[in-house]
Amino acid sequence: MKLYSQVKEVIKITIQQKIDMALAYSVNVTKKDIADKLGVTPSAFGQRLKTGKFTQSELETIASVLERV
């Protein structure tokens, strides 16, 4: 039996959900830390999270901040 035939639905996860999950696992990193590293205010970062619009470079920066844990 093929594994993929057992999957009934695909759950899509947004960028915001991925970052929120990563933050939940990181003890010492906050959204403010990420905003500071990106050079934006926490409020602006929150807005960007809602839209999910980040450049490849910004996503790499976010990943590097989250990897410091």
Protein backbone atom coordinates (compact mmCIF):
# COMPACT_ATOMS: atom_id res chain seq x y z
CA MET A 1 0.00 0.00 0.00
CA LYS A 2 1.34 3.40 -0.90
CA LEU A 3 1.65 5.89 1.93
CA TYR A 4 0.37 8.88 -0.01
CA SER A 5 -2.86 7.06 -0.80
CA GLN A 6 -3.68 7.11 2.93
CA VAL A 7 -3.46 10.91 3.20
CA LYS A 8 -6.94 12.37 3.11
CA GLU A 9 -6.09 16.06 3.19
CA VAL A 10 -3.10 18.33 2.95
CA ILE A 11 -2.74 20.97 5.60
CA LYS A 12 -1.12 24.16 4.40
CA ILE A 13 0.89 26.12 6.94
CA THR A 14 1.44 29.84 6.47
CA ILE A 15 4.75 31.63 7.03
CA GLN A 16 3.24 33.18 10.16
CA GLN A 17 2.33 29.76 11.54
CA LYS A 18 5.81 28.41 10.78
CA ILE A 19 7.51 31.33 12.52
CA ASP A 20 5.11 31.13 15.48
CA MET A 21 5.84 27.40 15.84
CA ALA A 22 9.58 28.00 15.69
CA LEU A 23 9.26 30.73 18.32
CA ALA A 24 7.29 28.38 20.55
CA TYR A 25 10.24 25.98 20.53
CA SER A 26 12.85 28.69 21.03
CA VAL A 27 13.21 29.73 24.63
CA ASN A 28 15.40 32.79 24.18
CA VAL A 29 14.09 34.36 20.95
CA THR A 30 11.17 36.76 20.70
CA LYS A 31 9.41 38.47 17.81
CA LYS A 32 11.13 41.65 18.99
CA ASP A 33 14.52 39.99 18.53
CA ILE A 34 13.62 39.08 14.97
CA ALA A 35 12.26 42.56 14.28
CA ASP A 36 15.48 44.13 15.61
CA LYS A 37 17.60 41.89 13.39
CA LEU A 38 15.46 42.82 10.37
CA GLY A 39 15.75 46.50 11.24
CA VAL A 40 12.01 47.07 11.66
CA THR A 41 9.75 47.79 14.61
CA PRO A 42 7.96 44.92 16.33
CA SER A 43 4.70 46.37 15.05
CA ALA A 44 5.95 46.42 11.45
CA PHE A 45 7.21 42.85 11.83
CA GLY A 46 3.77 41.82 13.13
CA GLN A 47 2.15 43.34 10.06
CA ARG A 48 4.59 41.54 7.78
CA LEU A 49 3.79 38.28 9.58
CA LYS A 50 0.10 38.78 8.85
CA THR A 51 0.74 39.26 5.14
CA GLY A 52 3.51 36.67 4.98
CA LYS A 53 5.43 38.79 2.51
CA PHE A 54 9.15 38.43 3.14
CA THR A 55 12.08 38.44 0.76
CA GLN A 56 14.35 35.42 0.56
CA SER A 57 17.01 37.43 2.39
CA GLU A 58 14.60 38.31 5.20
CA LEU A 59 13.55 34.67 5.58
CA GLU A 60 17.22 33.69 5.81
CA THR A 61 17.74 36.33 8.50
CA ILE A 62 14.74 35.05 10.45
CA ALA A 63 16.09 31.51 10.18
CA SER A 64 19.51 32.58 11.42
CA VAL A 65 17.99 34.29 14.45
CA LEU A 66 15.93 31.20 15.25
CA GLU A 67 18.93 28.90 14.82
CA ARG A 68 20.80 30.63 17.67
CA VAL A 69 18.75 28.67 20.17
